[in-house]
Structure formats: C-alpha cells, structure tokens
Amino acid sequence: MSQNSPDISIVVPVRDEVAAITALIEEIDAAMNGRSFEVIVVNDDSQDGTAKVLQSLEPRYPWLRSL
C-alpha cells in the first residue's frame, strides 16, 4: 500500500438521508480520530438534497468523497 493510501476505507450507501447524513459524518470523524481513513458515500439517486449536503461537507472533511 502506498504511503498516501488510507489504512481504512468506509463505504456508505445512502438514499434520501438528508436528515441523518451530517450527524453520520460527524460520528465517523469522532470515531476514526487519529486513524488514516477515507469515507466513500455512494448516493443512490437521492431526491431530498442529500447530494447537496454531501457537497457542502466535503471541504470540511478531506477524507470524504461522494459518488
């Protein structure tokens, strides 16, 4: 594994989770504190603004990617 690759990858499938996604990302951040990790959120065509919330979170959490 390269030095820039995270030790842990967390894949989170979501659909219409606008009410819960921010809290989930904050909880993952707290739980993974000090570890090398990435979170890949797979958005399954949410219609409730989940994608917009994820986009707003990405600058704050550099380990977060949404697809």
C-alpha atoms as a PDB file:
ATOM      1  CA  MET A   1       0.000   0.000   0.000  1.00  0.00           C
ATOM      2  CA  SER A   2       1.371   3.457  -0.831  1.00  0.00           C
ATOM      3  CA  GLN A   3       2.086   5.956   1.933  1.00  0.00           C
ATOM      4  CA  ASN A   4      -0.753   8.216   0.750  1.00  0.00           C
ATOM      5  CA  SER A   5      -3.383   5.484   0.761  1.00  0.00           C
ATOM      6  CA  PRO A   6      -5.631   5.327   3.810  1.00  0.00           C
ATOM      7  CA  ASP A   7      -5.455   2.281   6.059  1.00  0.00           C
ATOM      8  CA  ILE A   8      -9.256   2.031   6.233  1.00  0.00           C
ATOM      9  CA  SER A   9     -11.947   2.658   3.601  1.00  0.00           C
ATOM     10  CA  ILE A  10     -15.541   3.027   4.729  1.00  0.00           C
ATOM     11  CA  VAL A  11     -18.231   2.767   2.053  1.00  0.00           C
ATOM     12  CA  VAL A  12     -21.645   4.159   2.979  1.00  0.00           C
ATOM     13  CA  PRO A  13     -24.610   3.659   0.634  1.00  0.00           C
ATOM     14  CA  VAL A  14     -27.281   6.354   1.075  1.00  0.00           C
ATOM     15  CA  ARG A  15     -30.641   7.286  -0.371  1.00  0.00           C
ATOM     16  CA  ASP A  16     -32.712  10.207   0.876  1.00  0.00           C
ATOM     17  CA  GLU A  17     -30.711  10.643   4.093  1.00  0.00           C
ATOM     18  CA  VAL A  18     -30.591  14.451   4.263  1.00  0.00           C
ATOM     19  CA  ALA A  19     -31.803  14.408   7.871  1.00  0.00           C
ATOM     20  CA  ALA A  20     -29.099  11.989   9.042  1.00  0.00           C
ATOM     21  CA  ILE A  21     -26.023  12.363   6.827  1.00  0.00           C
ATOM     22  CA  THR A  22     -24.332  15.257   8.648  1.00  0.00           C
ATOM     23  CA  ALA A  23     -24.583  13.507  12.017  1.00  0.00           C
ATOM     24  CA  LEU A  24     -23.272  10.283  10.488  1.00  0.00           C
ATOM     25  CA  ILE A  25     -20.217  12.014   9.005  1.00  0.00           C
ATOM     26  CA  GLU A  26     -19.528  13.785  12.319  1.00  0.00           C
ATOM     27  CA  GLU A  27     -19.803  10.476  14.208  1.00  0.00           C
ATOM     28  CA  ILE A  28     -17.414   8.755  11.810  1.00  0.00           C
ATOM     29  CA  ASP A  29     -14.966  11.651  12.206  1.00  0.00           C
ATOM     30  CA  ALA A  30     -15.055  11.330  16.001  1.00  0.00           C
ATOM     31  CA  ALA A  31     -14.767   7.536  15.947  1.00  0.00           C
ATOM     32  CA  MET A  32     -11.860   7.483  13.496  1.00  0.00           C
ATOM     33  CA  ASN A  33      -9.867  10.291  15.134  1.00  0.00           C
ATOM     34  CA  GLY A  34      -6.146   9.734  14.623  1.00  0.00           C
ATOM     35  CA  ARG A  35      -6.552   6.972  12.055  1.00  0.00           C
ATOM     36  CA  SER A  36      -5.766   7.009   8.361  1.00  0.00           C
ATOM     37  CA  PHE A  37      -9.113   6.551   6.632  1.00  0.00           C
ATOM     38  CA  GLU A  38     -11.447   7.599   3.852  1.00  0.00           C
ATOM     39  CA  VAL A  39     -15.217   7.605   3.594  1.00  0.00           C
ATOM     40  CA  ILE A  40     -16.856   7.000   0.233  1.00  0.00           C
ATOM     41  CA  VAL A  41     -20.557   7.813   0.239  1.00  0.00           C
ATOM     42  CA  VAL A  42     -22.463   6.235  -2.634  1.00  0.00           C
ATOM     43  CA  ASN A  43     -25.566   8.313  -3.218  1.00  0.00           C
ATOM     44  CA  ASP A  44     -28.302   6.211  -4.825  1.00  0.00           C
ATOM     45  CA  ASP A  45     -30.253   8.953  -6.628  1.00  0.00           C
ATOM     46  CA  SER A  46     -31.441  10.785  -3.505  1.00  0.00           C
ATOM     47  CA  GLN A  47     -34.251  13.238  -4.184  1.00  0.00           C
ATOM     48  CA  ASP A  48     -34.164  15.076  -0.843  1.00  0.00           C
ATOM     49  CA  GLY A  49     -30.987  17.172  -1.019  1.00  0.00           C
ATOM     50  CA  THR A  50     -28.569  14.559   0.317  1.00  0.00           C
ATOM     51  CA  ALA A  51     -26.141  15.239  -2.549  1.00  0.00           C
ATOM     52  CA  LYS A  52     -26.084  18.968  -1.783  1.00  0.00           C
ATOM     53  CA  VAL A  53     -25.362  18.339   1.889  1.00  0.00           C
ATOM     54  CA  LEU A  54     -22.543  15.957   0.989  1.00  0.00           C
ATOM     55  CA  GLN A  55     -21.034  18.553  -1.346  1.00  0.00           C
ATOM     56  CA  SER A  56     -21.129  21.112   1.466  1.00  0.00           C
ATOM     57  CA  LEU A  57     -19.387  18.687   3.844  1.00  0.00           C
ATOM     58  CA  GLU A  58     -16.537  17.699   1.509  1.00  0.00           C
ATOM     59  CA  PRO A  59     -14.428  20.875   2.042  1.00  0.00           C
ATOM     60  CA  ARG A  60     -14.588  20.392   5.830  1.00  0.00           C
ATOM     61  CA  TYR A  61     -13.693  16.679   5.697  1.00  0.00           C
ATOM     62  CA  PRO A  62     -10.883  15.998   3.202  1.00  0.00           C
ATOM     63  CA  TRP A  63     -11.265  12.238   3.686  1.00  0.00           C
ATOM     64  CA  LEU A  64     -14.898  12.363   2.416  1.00  0.00           C
ATOM     65  CA  ARG A  65     -15.818  11.531  -1.176  1.00  0.00           C
ATOM     66  CA  SER A  66     -19.309  11.226  -2.550  1.00  0.00           C
ATOM     67  CA  LEU A  67     -20.308   9.421  -5.723  1.00  0.00           C
END
